[in-house]
């Protein structure tokens, strides 16, 4: 076997050791576990007790709210459902109570970009 041809096991071991080393160094610095508040523990317990859904601190969804748009608003509010809208993004606890709300995103924005721009 020539030096540029490595066996599967060798390649696997190199990749495994390298990714583990990267994880061990970078994880504590960049992927810290979030601080969990007492309120989040309470919500997680409610989700588990009410819905048999463990380790959940909120349910997230978005809704297009139909608006009347002025002629000068352009296409920013015109959504894929073919009407003008603003997007409501909300997080609720296990009892359907809002715990966080984001309102005002353009109707044309997709869910991922709305979520990324939110405070959630």
Foldseek 3Di string as FASTA:
>chain_A
DDPVDDDPVVVVVVVVVVVVVVCVVCCVPPPPDDDADPLQVVLQVLCCVVPVDHPDSWDKDKDWDADDDDPPPPCQQQDPVGGGTKMKIFTAGSVRHTPDIDTGGHRHDDPVVVVVPDPD
